[in-house]
Amino acid sequence: MLPPRWPRRARSAIHHALSLARIALLAATDRVAVSVRLEHELALLRDELRIKDARMERVPPRHRPHYPAVERLAILEHRAARGWSAAQTAERFFVTEATIADWMTRLDDDGPAALVRTPEPVNRFPDLVAHLVRRLKVLCPVMGTARIAAVLSRAGLHLGRTTVRRMLKRRPRRVAPAATVRSGRRIRSSRPNHIWLVDLTTVPTL
């Protein structure tokens, strides 16, 4: 609701004022420090997340969509990168603390029905290392190729900067969706012309 005697186009004026502010910021790009532009973008991202979180909070917990296996691993990767506890992770991603604990317990489950899995197949050790390199770059974007190589060397993975750069440029292979298994059972009639097709998609109106 708008205050009394306010013009009806006040909301449109707010929207246009913000658009003009963006244009003014872009026009002054050369004169604005990089840190100021980054802070501006971070502020916008925080408000964007606030809007999305507010929408999810209005959904009852039992009716919220489940995270697929790939996103569960991404959530656990965020937990490790940020040093969050199970409670902090659950609060950020709108799940229960018991759910995070269950994901951690089943982190090493294998097979197509695994509760947690990577977005690309890691059947070989180099695939696992390449996935780790790419996730380090996503979760720690300030890390360059030399820093990534140094971090991995502490874990016993000795990679050169060129190898890290090549892994970052390589496009990951996606996991193929599981094929739908069709039942081999066929319906047979006991008499000719005894099977009828009934369309149940429409309901007649009275």
N, C-alpha and C. Protein backbone atom coordinates (compact mmCIF):
# COMPACT_ATOMS: atom_id res chain seq x y z
N MET A 1 0.85 -1.19 0.00
CA MET A 1 0.00 0.00 0.00
C MET A 1 0.88 1.23 0.00
N LEU A 2 0.40 2.27 -0.70
CA LEU A 2 1.12 3.53 -0.74
C LEU A 2 0.49 4.52 0.24
N PRO A 3 1.25 5.46 0.80
CA PRO A 3 0.67 6.47 1.68
C PRO A 3 -0.38 7.30 0.95
N PRO A 4 -1.30 7.90 1.68
CA PRO A 4 -2.33 8.74 1.03
C PRO A 4 -1.69 9.88 0.25
N ARG A 5 -2.34 10.21 -0.88
CA ARG A 5 -1.96 11.33 -1.74
C ARG A 5 -0.66 11.09 -2.49
N TRP A 6 -0.12 9.91 -2.39
CA TRP A 6 1.07 9.60 -3.20
C TRP A 6 0.63 9.29 -4.62
N PRO A 7 1.43 9.64 -5.61
CA PRO A 7 1.05 9.30 -6.99
C PRO A 7 1.05 7.79 -7.19
N ARG A 8 0.19 7.31 -8.09
CA ARG A 8 0.05 5.88 -8.33
C ARG A 8 1.30 5.28 -8.97
N ARG A 9 2.14 6.10 -9.59
CA ARG A 9 3.32 5.60 -10.29
C ARG A 9 4.57 5.64 -9.42
N ALA A 10 4.39 5.65 -8.12
CA ALA A 10 5.56 5.74 -7.24
C ALA A 10 6.44 4.50 -7.38
N ARG A 11 5.82 3.31 -7.51
CA ARG A 11 6.62 2.10 -7.63
C ARG A 11 7.39 2.10 -8.95
N SER A 12 6.75 2.54 -10.02
CA SER A 12 7.46 2.63 -11.29
C SER A 12 8.61 3.62 -11.21
N ALA A 13 8.42 4.70 -10.45
CA ALA A 13 9.49 5.69 -10.29
C ALA A 13 10.68 5.08 -9.57
N ILE A 14 10.41 4.22 -8.56
CA ILE A 14 11.50 3.57 -7.85
C ILE A 14 12.29 2.68 -8.81
N HIS A 15 11.58 1.91 -9.63
CA HIS A 15 12.23 1.01 -10.58
C HIS A 15 13.08 1.79 -11.57
N HIS A 16 12.54 2.90 -12.11
CA HIS A 16 13.30 3.69 -13.07
C HIS A 16 14.50 4.39 -12.42
N ALA A 17 14.35 4.78 -11.16
CA ALA A 17 15.47 5.43 -10.48
C ALA A 17 16.63 4.45 -10.31
N LEU A 18 16.31 3.19 -9.98
CA LEU A 18 17.37 2.19 -9.86
C LEU A 18 18.01 1.91 -11.20
N SER A 19 17.24 1.91 -12.27
CA SER A 19 17.81 1.71 -13.60
C SER A 19 18.75 2.85 -13.97
N LEU A 20 18.36 4.07 -13.64
CA LEU A 20 19.23 5.22 -13.91
C LEU A 20 20.51 5.14 -13.08
N ALA A 21 20.40 4.64 -11.83
CA ALA A 21 21.59 4.50 -11.00
C ALA A 21 22.56 3.51 -11.61
N ARG A 22 22.04 2.43 -12.18
CA ARG A 22 22.91 1.44 -12.83
C ARG A 22 23.61 2.05 -14.03
N ILE A 23 22.86 2.82 -14.83
CA ILE A 23 23.47 3.46 -16.01
C ILE A 23 24.55 4.45 -15.59
N ALA A 24 24.28 5.19 -14.51
CA ALA A 24 25.27 6.15 -14.04
C ALA A 24 26.53 5.44 -13.55
N LEU A 25 26.34 4.27 -12.90
CA LEU A 25 27.49 3.52 -12.42
C LEU A 25 28.32 2.99 -13.58
N LEU A 26 27.65 2.49 -14.62
CA LEU A 26 28.37 1.99 -15.78
C LEU A 26 29.11 3.11 -16.50
N ALA A 27 28.51 4.29 -16.54
CA ALA A 27 29.16 5.42 -17.20
C ALA A 27 30.41 5.86 -16.46
N ALA A 28 30.42 5.63 -15.15
CA ALA A 28 31.57 6.04 -14.33
C ALA A 28 32.49 4.88 -14.02
N THR A 29 32.43 3.82 -14.82
CA THR A 29 33.23 2.62 -14.54
C THR A 29 34.71 2.93 -14.47
N ASP A 30 35.19 3.76 -15.38
CA ASP A 30 36.62 4.06 -15.42
C ASP A 30 37.07 4.84 -14.19
N ARG A 31 36.15 5.50 -13.55
CA ARG A 31 36.54 6.33 -12.40
C ARG A 31 36.26 5.66 -11.06
N VAL A 32 35.56 4.54 -11.11
CA VAL A 32 35.22 3.84 -9.88
C VAL A 32 36.25 2.75 -9.61
N ALA A 33 36.70 2.64 -8.40
CA ALA A 33 37.68 1.62 -8.05
C ALA A 33 37.07 0.23 -8.19
N VAL A 34 37.94 -0.74 -8.44
CA VAL A 34 37.48 -2.11 -8.61
C VAL A 34 36.81 -2.62 -7.34
N SER A 35 37.35 -2.28 -6.20
CA SER A 35 36.77 -2.75 -4.94
C SER A 35 35.36 -2.23 -4.74
N VAL A 36 35.10 -0.98 -5.17
CA VAL A 36 33.76 -0.41 -5.04
C VAL A 36 32.78 -1.14 -5.93
N ARG A 37 33.19 -1.47 -7.15
CA ARG A 37 32.32 -2.21 -8.06
C ARG A 37 32.03 -3.61 -7.53
N LEU A 38 33.04 -4.25 -6.96
CA LEU A 38 32.82 -5.57 -6.39
C LEU A 38 31.88 -5.52 -5.20
N GLU A 39 32.02 -4.53 -4.38
CA GLU A 39 31.12 -4.39 -3.22
C GLU A 39 29.69 -4.14 -3.68
N HIS A 40 29.54 -3.37 -4.76
CA HIS A 40 28.21 -3.12 -5.31
C HIS A 40 27.58 -4.43 -5.80
N GLU A 41 28.35 -5.24 -6.51
CA GLU A 41 27.84 -6.50 -7.02
C GLU A 41 27.52 -7.47 -5.88
N LEU A 42 28.36 -7.49 -4.83
CA LEU A 42 28.10 -8.35 -3.68
C LEU A 42 26.81 -7.94 -2.96
N ALA A 43 26.57 -6.64 -2.86
CA ALA A 43 25.35 -6.17 -2.22
C ALA A 43 24.12 -6.61 -3.00
N LEU A 44 24.21 -6.55 -4.33
CA LEU A 44 23.09 -7.00 -5.16
C LEU A 44 22.87 -8.50 -5.01
N LEU A 45 23.95 -9.28 -4.96
CA LEU A 45 23.82 -10.73 -4.80
C LEU A 45 23.22 -11.09 -3.44
N ARG A 46 23.61 -10.35 -2.40
CA ARG A 46 23.04 -10.61 -1.07
C ARG A 46 21.54 -10.37 -1.07
N ASP A 47 21.10 -9.29 -1.70
CA ASP A 47 19.68 -8.99 -1.73
C ASP A 47 18.94 -9.99 -2.60
N GLU A 48 19.57 -10.44 -3.67
CA GLU A 48 18.96 -11.47 -4.51
C GLU A 48 18.74 -12.76 -3.73
N LEU A 49 19.75 -13.18 -2.96
CA LEU A 49 19.61 -14.37 -2.13
C LEU A 49 18.56 -14.18 -1.04
N ARG A 50 18.45 -12.96 -0.50
CA ARG A 50 17.44 -12.70 0.53
C ARG A 50 16.04 -12.91 -0.03
N ILE A 51 15.82 -12.44 -1.26
CA ILE A 51 14.50 -12.60 -1.88
C ILE A 51 14.19 -14.08 -2.11
N LYS A 52 15.17 -14.82 -2.63
CA LYS A 52 14.94 -16.24 -2.89
C LYS A 52 14.76 -17.02 -1.59
N ASP A 53 15.52 -16.67 -0.55
CA ASP A 53 15.39 -17.37 0.72
C ASP A 53 14.02 -17.10 1.35
N ALA A 54 13.55 -15.87 1.22
CA ALA A 54 12.24 -15.53 1.79
C ALA A 54 11.14 -16.34 1.13
N ARG A 55 11.26 -16.59 -0.17
CA ARG A 55 10.27 -17.42 -0.87
C ARG A 55 10.31 -18.86 -0.36
N MET A 56 11.50 -19.41 -0.18
CA MET A 56 11.61 -20.78 0.29
C MET A 56 11.12 -20.93 1.72
N GLU A 57 11.32 -19.92 2.54
CA GLU A 57 10.89 -20.00 3.93
C GLU A 57 9.38 -20.07 4.05
N ARG A 58 8.66 -19.53 3.06
CA ARG A 58 7.20 -19.57 3.10
C ARG A 58 6.64 -20.95 2.74
N VAL A 59 7.48 -21.82 2.20
CA VAL A 59 7.05 -23.17 1.85
C VAL A 59 7.21 -24.07 3.08
N PRO A 60 6.17 -24.82 3.48
CA PRO A 60 6.32 -25.73 4.63
C PRO A 60 7.47 -26.72 4.39
N PRO A 61 8.21 -27.07 5.43
CA PRO A 61 9.38 -27.95 5.24
C PRO A 61 9.06 -29.25 4.51
N ARG A 62 7.90 -29.84 4.78
CA ARG A 62 7.57 -31.11 4.15
C ARG A 62 7.26 -30.98 2.66
N HIS A 63 6.95 -29.76 2.22
CA HIS A 63 6.60 -29.55 0.82
C HIS A 63 7.74 -28.94 0.01
N ARG A 64 8.88 -28.75 0.63
CA ARG A 64 10.02 -28.19 -0.10
C ARG A 64 10.62 -29.25 -1.02
N PRO A 65 11.08 -28.86 -2.21
CA PRO A 65 11.66 -29.86 -3.12
C PRO A 65 12.95 -30.44 -2.55
N HIS A 66 13.17 -31.72 -2.85
CA HIS A 66 14.37 -32.38 -2.37
C HIS A 66 15.57 -32.02 -3.26
N TYR A 67 16.74 -31.95 -2.62
CA TYR A 67 17.96 -31.71 -3.39
C TYR A 67 18.37 -32.99 -4.11
N PRO A 68 18.70 -32.92 -5.40
CA PRO A 68 19.22 -34.12 -6.06
C PRO A 68 20.62 -34.45 -5.56
N ALA A 69 21.10 -35.63 -5.95
CA ALA A 69 22.38 -36.13 -5.42
C ALA A 69 23.53 -35.20 -5.73
N VAL A 70 23.53 -34.59 -6.93
CA VAL A 70 24.63 -33.71 -7.32
C VAL A 70 24.66 -32.46 -6.44
N GLU A 71 23.49 -31.88 -6.15
CA GLU A 71 23.44 -30.67 -5.34
C GLU A 71 23.76 -30.97 -3.88
N ARG A 72 23.48 -32.18 -3.43
CA ARG A 72 23.85 -32.54 -2.06
C ARG A 72 25.36 -32.50 -1.86
N LEU A 73 26.08 -33.03 -2.86
CA LEU A 73 27.54 -32.96 -2.76
C LEU A 73 28.02 -31.52 -2.80
N ALA A 74 27.40 -30.69 -3.65
CA ALA A 74 27.79 -29.28 -3.72
C ALA A 74 27.56 -28.58 -2.38
N ILE A 75 26.47 -28.92 -1.70
CA ILE A 75 26.21 -28.34 -0.38
C ILE A 75 27.28 -28.75 0.62
N LEU A 76 27.67 -30.02 0.60
CA LEU A 76 28.72 -30.48 1.50
C LEU A 76 30.06 -29.84 1.16
N GLU A 77 30.29 -29.57 -0.13
CA GLU A 77 31.52 -28.87 -0.52
C GLU A 77 31.53 -27.44 0.01
N HIS A 78 30.38 -26.78 -0.02
CA HIS A 78 30.29 -25.43 0.56
C HIS A 78 30.54 -25.48 2.06
N ARG A 79 30.02 -26.51 2.71
CA ARG A 79 30.25 -26.63 4.14
C ARG A 79 31.73 -26.74 4.46
N ALA A 80 32.44 -27.58 3.66
CA ALA A 80 33.87 -27.75 3.91
C ALA A 80 34.65 -26.48 3.60
N ALA A 81 34.29 -25.80 2.50
CA ALA A 81 35.04 -24.60 2.09
C ALA A 81 34.84 -23.45 3.06
N ARG A 82 33.68 -23.38 3.70
CA ARG A 82 33.39 -22.26 4.60
C ARG A 82 33.54 -22.61 6.08
N GLY A 83 33.83 -23.88 6.37
CA GLY A 83 33.99 -24.27 7.75
C GLY A 83 32.72 -24.21 8.56
N TRP A 84 31.58 -24.44 7.94
CA TRP A 84 30.31 -24.41 8.64
C TRP A 84 30.10 -25.68 9.45
N SER A 85 29.32 -25.55 10.51
CA SER A 85 28.86 -26.72 11.24
C SER A 85 27.65 -27.30 10.53
N ALA A 86 27.20 -28.47 11.00
CA ALA A 86 26.02 -29.07 10.40
C ALA A 86 24.80 -28.17 10.58
N ALA A 87 24.70 -27.52 11.73
CA ALA A 87 23.56 -26.64 11.99
C ALA A 87 23.59 -25.42 11.07
N GLN A 88 24.76 -24.82 10.88
CA GLN A 88 24.87 -23.66 9.99
C GLN A 88 24.54 -24.04 8.55
N THR A 89 25.02 -25.20 8.10
CA THR A 89 24.73 -25.65 6.74
C THR A 89 23.25 -25.91 6.56
N ALA A 90 22.63 -26.54 7.54
CA ALA A 90 21.20 -26.82 7.46
C ALA A 90 20.39 -25.54 7.40
N GLU A 91 20.79 -24.54 8.18
CA GLU A 91 20.07 -23.27 8.18
C GLU A 91 20.19 -22.55 6.84
N ARG A 92 21.37 -22.61 6.23
CA ARG A 92 21.57 -21.92 4.96
C ARG A 92 20.78 -22.55 3.82
N PHE A 93 20.63 -23.87 3.84
CA PHE A 93 20.02 -24.57 2.71
C PHE A 93 18.65 -25.15 3.04
N PHE A 94 18.05 -24.71 4.15
CA PHE A 94 16.67 -25.03 4.49
C PHE A 94 16.43 -26.55 4.60
N VAL A 95 17.31 -27.21 5.28
CA VAL A 95 17.13 -28.63 5.61
C VAL A 95 17.39 -28.77 7.11
N THR A 96 17.22 -29.98 7.61
CA THR A 96 17.46 -30.22 9.03
C THR A 96 18.91 -30.62 9.27
N GLU A 97 19.35 -30.45 10.50
CA GLU A 97 20.71 -30.84 10.87
C GLU A 97 20.89 -32.35 10.72
N ALA A 98 19.83 -33.11 10.99
CA ALA A 98 19.90 -34.56 10.83
C ALA A 98 20.11 -34.95 9.37
N THR A 99 19.54 -34.15 8.46
CA THR A 99 19.72 -34.42 7.03
C THR A 99 21.18 -34.25 6.63
N ILE A 100 21.81 -33.17 7.09
CA ILE A 100 23.23 -32.95 6.78
C ILE A 100 24.08 -34.08 7.36
N ALA A 101 23.76 -34.51 8.58
CA ALA A 101 24.51 -35.61 9.19
C ALA A 101 24.34 -36.89 8.40
N ASP A 102 23.14 -37.13 7.88
CA ASP A 102 22.91 -38.33 7.07
C ASP A 102 23.69 -38.27 5.77
N TRP A 103 23.74 -37.10 5.13
CA TRP A 103 24.53 -36.95 3.90
C TRP A 103 26.00 -37.22 4.18
N MET A 104 26.51 -36.72 5.30
CA MET A 104 27.92 -36.94 5.63
C MET A 104 28.19 -38.42 5.88
N THR A 105 27.26 -39.11 6.52
CA THR A 105 27.44 -40.53 6.80
C THR A 105 27.48 -41.34 5.52
N ARG A 106 26.67 -40.94 4.54
CA ARG A 106 26.57 -41.69 3.28
C ARG A 106 27.37 -41.04 2.16
N LEU A 107 28.37 -40.25 2.53
CA LEU A 107 29.15 -39.52 1.54
C LEU A 107 29.91 -40.45 0.61
N ASP A 108 30.32 -41.61 1.10
CA ASP A 108 31.12 -42.54 0.30
C ASP A 108 30.30 -43.66 -0.32
N ASP A 109 28.97 -43.55 -0.27
CA ASP A 109 28.15 -44.55 -0.96
C ASP A 109 28.43 -44.50 -2.45
N ASP A 110 28.36 -45.65 -3.10
CA ASP A 110 28.68 -45.75 -4.52
C ASP A 110 27.48 -46.28 -5.29
N GLY A 111 27.57 -46.17 -6.63
CA GLY A 111 26.51 -46.70 -7.48
C GLY A 111 25.59 -45.62 -8.00
N PRO A 112 24.74 -45.94 -8.98
CA PRO A 112 23.85 -44.94 -9.58
C PRO A 112 22.80 -44.40 -8.61
N ALA A 113 22.50 -45.16 -7.56
CA ALA A 113 21.50 -44.72 -6.58
C ALA A 113 22.14 -44.09 -5.35
N ALA A 114 23.39 -43.65 -5.46
CA ALA A 114 24.08 -43.05 -4.32
C ALA A 114 23.37 -41.77 -3.87
N LEU A 115 23.35 -41.54 -2.57
CA LEU A 115 22.68 -40.36 -2.03
C LEU A 115 23.40 -39.09 -2.42
N VAL A 116 24.72 -39.14 -2.53
CA VAL A 116 25.56 -38.00 -2.87
C VAL A 116 26.50 -38.42 -3.99
N ARG A 117 26.62 -37.59 -5.04
CA ARG A 117 27.52 -37.95 -6.13
C ARG A 117 27.99 -36.70 -6.87
N THR A 118 29.04 -36.86 -7.65
CA THR A 118 29.63 -35.75 -8.40
C THR A 118 28.82 -35.49 -9.67
N PRO A 119 28.89 -34.27 -10.22
CA PRO A 119 28.12 -33.97 -11.43
C PRO A 119 28.67 -34.63 -12.68
N GLU A 120 29.93 -35.10 -12.65
CA GLU A 120 30.49 -35.81 -13.79
C GLU A 120 31.08 -37.13 -13.31
N PRO A 121 31.16 -38.13 -14.18
CA PRO A 121 31.70 -39.43 -13.76
C PRO A 121 33.15 -39.31 -13.31
N VAL A 122 33.50 -39.98 -12.24
CA VAL A 122 34.88 -39.97 -11.74
C VAL A 122 35.34 -41.42 -11.59
N ASN A 123 35.24 -42.16 -12.71
CA ASN A 123 35.63 -43.57 -12.68
C ASN A 123 37.13 -43.75 -12.57
N ARG A 124 37.89 -42.71 -12.94
CA ARG A 124 39.35 -42.80 -12.87
C ARG A 124 39.87 -41.74 -11.91
N PHE A 125 41.06 -41.99 -11.39
CA PHE A 125 41.66 -41.04 -10.45
C PHE A 125 41.87 -39.65 -11.06
N PRO A 126 42.34 -39.53 -12.33
CA PRO A 126 42.48 -38.18 -12.91
C PRO A 126 41.16 -37.42 -12.98
N ASP A 127 40.05 -38.13 -13.17
CA ASP A 127 38.75 -37.45 -13.19
C ASP A 127 38.44 -36.84 -11.83
N LEU A 128 38.78 -37.56 -10.77
CA LEU A 128 38.55 -37.05 -9.42
C LEU A 128 39.39 -35.81 -9.16
N VAL A 129 40.66 -35.84 -9.58
CA VAL A 129 41.54 -34.69 -9.38
C VAL A 129 41.03 -33.49 -10.17
N ALA A 130 40.59 -33.72 -11.42
CA ALA A 130 40.08 -32.62 -12.25
C ALA A 130 38.84 -32.01 -11.62
N HIS A 131 37.96 -32.84 -11.07
CA HIS A 131 36.77 -32.31 -10.40
C HIS A 131 37.17 -31.47 -9.19
N LEU A 132 38.13 -31.95 -8.42
CA LEU A 132 38.60 -31.21 -7.25
C LEU A 132 39.19 -29.87 -7.65
N VAL A 133 39.95 -29.83 -8.74
CA VAL A 133 40.55 -28.57 -9.20
C VAL A 133 39.46 -27.58 -9.59
N ARG A 134 38.45 -28.04 -10.32
CA ARG A 134 37.39 -27.13 -10.74
C ARG A 134 36.58 -26.62 -9.56
N ARG A 135 36.31 -27.48 -8.59
CA ARG A 135 35.54 -27.03 -7.43
C ARG A 135 36.34 -26.07 -6.57
N LEU A 136 37.65 -26.25 -6.48
CA LEU A 136 38.48 -25.29 -5.76
C LEU A 136 38.39 -23.91 -6.39
N LYS A 137 38.38 -23.88 -7.72
CA LYS A 137 38.31 -22.60 -8.42
C LYS A 137 36.95 -21.94 -8.23
N VAL A 138 35.88 -22.75 -8.17
CA VAL A 138 34.54 -22.20 -7.98
C VAL A 138 34.35 -21.68 -6.56
N LEU A 139 34.75 -22.48 -5.58
CA LEU A 139 34.53 -22.12 -4.18
C LEU A 139 35.57 -21.15 -3.65
N CYS A 140 36.74 -21.10 -4.26
CA CYS A 140 37.80 -20.17 -3.87
C CYS A 140 38.29 -19.44 -5.12
N PRO A 141 37.48 -18.54 -5.69
CA PRO A 141 37.83 -17.93 -6.98
C PRO A 141 39.10 -17.09 -6.97
N VAL A 142 39.55 -16.64 -5.81
CA VAL A 142 40.76 -15.82 -5.76
C VAL A 142 42.03 -16.66 -5.92
N MET A 143 41.88 -17.97 -5.85
CA MET A 143 43.05 -18.85 -5.97
C MET A 143 43.42 -18.99 -7.44
N GLY A 144 44.68 -18.72 -7.76
CA GLY A 144 45.18 -18.93 -9.10
C GLY A 144 45.68 -20.35 -9.29
N THR A 145 46.22 -20.62 -10.47
CA THR A 145 46.69 -21.98 -10.76
C THR A 145 47.84 -22.38 -9.84
N ALA A 146 48.74 -21.43 -9.54
CA ALA A 146 49.87 -21.76 -8.66
C ALA A 146 49.39 -22.07 -7.24
N ARG A 147 48.42 -21.29 -6.74
CA ARG A 147 47.92 -21.55 -5.38
C ARG A 147 47.18 -22.87 -5.31
N ILE A 148 46.39 -23.19 -6.34
CA ILE A 148 45.68 -24.46 -6.36
C ILE A 148 46.67 -25.62 -6.37
N ALA A 149 47.71 -25.51 -7.19
CA ALA A 149 48.73 -26.55 -7.24
C ALA A 149 49.42 -26.70 -5.89
N ALA A 150 49.66 -25.57 -5.20
CA ALA A 150 50.32 -25.63 -3.90
C ALA A 150 49.43 -26.30 -2.85
N VAL A 151 48.11 -26.00 -2.88
CA VAL A 151 47.19 -26.61 -1.92
C VAL A 151 47.11 -28.12 -2.15
N LEU A 152 47.04 -28.52 -3.41
CA LEU A 152 46.96 -29.95 -3.70
C LEU A 152 48.25 -30.68 -3.35
N SER A 153 49.38 -29.97 -3.47
CA SER A 153 50.65 -30.62 -3.13
C SER A 153 50.72 -30.95 -1.64
N ARG A 154 50.08 -30.13 -0.81
CA ARG A 154 50.05 -30.43 0.62
C ARG A 154 49.25 -31.69 0.92
N ALA A 155 48.32 -32.01 -0.01
CA ALA A 155 47.53 -33.23 0.15
C ALA A 155 48.15 -34.42 -0.56
N GLY A 156 49.37 -34.23 -1.09
CA GLY A 156 50.06 -35.32 -1.76
C GLY A 156 49.77 -35.43 -3.24
N LEU A 157 49.07 -34.43 -3.83
CA LEU A 157 48.78 -34.43 -5.27
C LEU A 157 49.68 -33.40 -5.93
N HIS A 158 50.69 -33.85 -6.60
CA HIS A 158 51.68 -32.95 -7.18
C HIS A 158 51.31 -32.67 -8.64
N LEU A 159 50.80 -31.46 -8.88
CA LEU A 159 50.40 -31.03 -10.21
C LEU A 159 51.14 -29.75 -10.55
N GLY A 160 51.44 -29.59 -11.82
CA GLY A 160 52.04 -28.35 -12.29
C GLY A 160 50.98 -27.31 -12.62
N ARG A 161 51.40 -26.05 -12.76
CA ARG A 161 50.45 -24.99 -13.08
C ARG A 161 49.79 -25.23 -14.43
N THR A 162 50.55 -25.74 -15.39
CA THR A 162 49.96 -25.99 -16.71
C THR A 162 48.91 -27.10 -16.63
N THR A 163 49.14 -28.10 -15.79
CA THR A 163 48.15 -29.17 -15.64
C THR A 163 46.88 -28.64 -15.00
N VAL A 164 47.02 -27.79 -13.99
CA VAL A 164 45.85 -27.18 -13.35
C VAL A 164 45.09 -26.33 -14.35
N ARG A 165 45.82 -25.54 -15.15
CA ARG A 165 45.17 -24.69 -16.15
C ARG A 165 44.43 -25.53 -17.18
N ARG A 166 45.01 -26.64 -17.57
CA ARG A 166 44.36 -27.51 -18.55
C ARG A 166 43.11 -28.14 -17.97
N MET A 167 43.14 -28.52 -16.69
CA MET A 167 41.96 -29.10 -16.06
C MET A 167 40.84 -28.07 -15.92
N LEU A 168 41.20 -26.82 -15.68
CA LEU A 168 40.18 -25.78 -15.56
C LEU A 168 39.51 -25.49 -16.90
N LYS A 169 40.25 -25.65 -17.99
CA LYS A 169 39.69 -25.39 -19.32
C LYS A 169 38.89 -26.56 -19.84
N ARG A 170 39.15 -27.77 -19.32
CA ARG A 170 38.46 -28.95 -19.82
C ARG A 170 37.00 -28.92 -19.38
N ARG A 171 36.12 -29.23 -20.30
CA ARG A 171 34.69 -29.24 -20.00
C ARG A 171 34.33 -30.58 -19.35
N PRO A 172 33.70 -30.54 -18.18
CA PRO A 172 33.39 -31.81 -17.48
C PRO A 172 32.35 -32.61 -18.24
N ARG A 173 32.44 -33.92 -18.09
CA ARG A 173 31.45 -34.83 -18.67
C ARG A 173 30.27 -34.95 -17.73
N ARG A 174 29.09 -34.80 -18.26
CA ARG A 174 27.88 -34.86 -17.44
C ARG A 174 27.44 -36.31 -17.24
N VAL A 175 26.79 -36.49 -16.10
CA VAL A 175 26.26 -37.82 -15.82
C VAL A 175 24.99 -38.02 -16.64
N ALA A 176 24.94 -39.10 -17.39
CA ALA A 176 23.77 -39.38 -18.20
C ALA A 176 22.60 -39.75 -17.30
N PRO A 177 21.40 -39.24 -17.59
CA PRO A 177 20.26 -39.60 -16.74
C PRO A 177 19.97 -41.08 -16.81
N ALA A 178 19.51 -41.60 -15.71
CA ALA A 178 19.21 -43.02 -15.65
C ALA A 178 18.09 -43.37 -16.61
N ALA A 179 18.28 -44.44 -17.35
CA ALA A 179 17.28 -44.85 -18.32
C ALA A 179 16.05 -45.41 -17.62
N THR A 180 14.89 -45.08 -18.16
CA THR A 180 13.65 -45.57 -17.58
C THR A 180 13.46 -47.04 -17.93
N VAL A 181 13.30 -47.85 -16.91
CA VAL A 181 13.13 -49.29 -17.12
C VAL A 181 11.66 -49.58 -17.37
N ARG A 182 11.37 -50.14 -18.51
CA ARG A 182 9.99 -50.47 -18.86
C ARG A 182 9.70 -51.93 -18.51
N SER A 183 8.52 -52.13 -18.01
CA SER A 183 8.13 -53.49 -17.66
C SER A 183 7.86 -54.31 -18.92
N GLY A 184 8.29 -55.58 -18.90
CA GLY A 184 8.05 -56.44 -20.04
C GLY A 184 6.67 -57.07 -20.04
N ARG A 185 5.88 -56.71 -19.06
CA ARG A 185 4.54 -57.29 -18.97
C ARG A 185 3.61 -56.69 -20.01
N ARG A 186 2.86 -57.52 -20.70
CA ARG A 186 1.91 -57.08 -21.72
C ARG A 186 0.52 -57.53 -21.32
N ILE A 187 -0.43 -56.65 -21.60
CA ILE A 187 -1.82 -56.95 -21.28
C ILE A 187 -2.44 -57.67 -22.47
N ARG A 188 -2.99 -58.82 -22.21
CA ARG A 188 -3.63 -59.62 -23.27
C ARG A 188 -5.11 -59.84 -22.88
N SER A 189 -5.92 -59.79 -23.90
CA SER A 189 -7.35 -60.02 -23.68
C SER A 189 -7.68 -61.49 -23.83
N SER A 190 -8.70 -61.89 -23.11
CA SER A 190 -9.14 -63.28 -23.21
C SER A 190 -10.04 -63.52 -24.42
N ARG A 191 -10.64 -62.43 -24.95
CA ARG A 191 -11.50 -62.53 -26.12
C ARG A 191 -11.14 -61.45 -27.12
N PRO A 192 -11.38 -61.61 -28.41
CA PRO A 192 -11.06 -60.57 -29.42
C PRO A 192 -11.83 -59.28 -29.14
N ASN A 193 -11.13 -58.13 -29.39
CA ASN A 193 -11.73 -56.80 -29.23
C ASN A 193 -12.24 -56.56 -27.80
N HIS A 194 -11.51 -57.10 -26.84
CA HIS A 194 -11.94 -56.97 -25.45
C HIS A 194 -11.08 -55.95 -24.68
N ILE A 195 -10.16 -55.29 -25.36
CA ILE A 195 -9.32 -54.27 -24.73
C ILE A 195 -9.75 -52.91 -25.26
N TRP A 196 -10.06 -51.99 -24.36
CA TRP A 196 -10.53 -50.66 -24.75
C TRP A 196 -9.59 -49.62 -24.17
N LEU A 197 -9.41 -48.53 -24.94
CA LEU A 197 -8.58 -47.40 -24.49
C LEU A 197 -9.49 -46.36 -23.88
N VAL A 198 -9.25 -46.02 -22.64
CA VAL A 198 -10.07 -45.04 -21.94
C VAL A 198 -9.23 -43.83 -21.65
N ASP A 199 -9.68 -42.65 -22.07
CA ASP A 199 -8.97 -41.39 -21.83
C ASP A 199 -9.47 -40.80 -20.52
N LEU A 200 -8.58 -40.77 -19.52
CA LEU A 200 -8.94 -40.24 -18.20
C LEU A 200 -8.37 -38.86 -17.95
N THR A 201 -7.88 -38.19 -18.99
CA THR A 201 -7.26 -36.88 -18.81
C THR A 201 -8.26 -35.76 -18.68
N THR A 202 -9.50 -35.97 -19.15
CA THR A 202 -10.52 -34.93 -19.06
C THR A 202 -11.67 -35.40 -18.22
N VAL A 203 -12.24 -34.48 -17.48
CA VAL A 203 -13.38 -34.79 -16.63
C VAL A 203 -14.59 -34.02 -17.15
N PRO A 204 -15.68 -34.69 -17.49
CA PRO A 204 -16.84 -33.96 -18.01
C PRO A 204 -17.43 -33.04 -16.97
N THR A 205 -17.85 -31.89 -17.41
CA THR A 205 -18.47 -30.91 -16.50
C THR A 205 -19.98 -31.11 -16.52
N LEU A 206 -20.56 -30.91 -15.37
CA LEU A 206 -22.01 -31.09 -15.22
C LEU A 206 -22.74 -29.78 -15.49
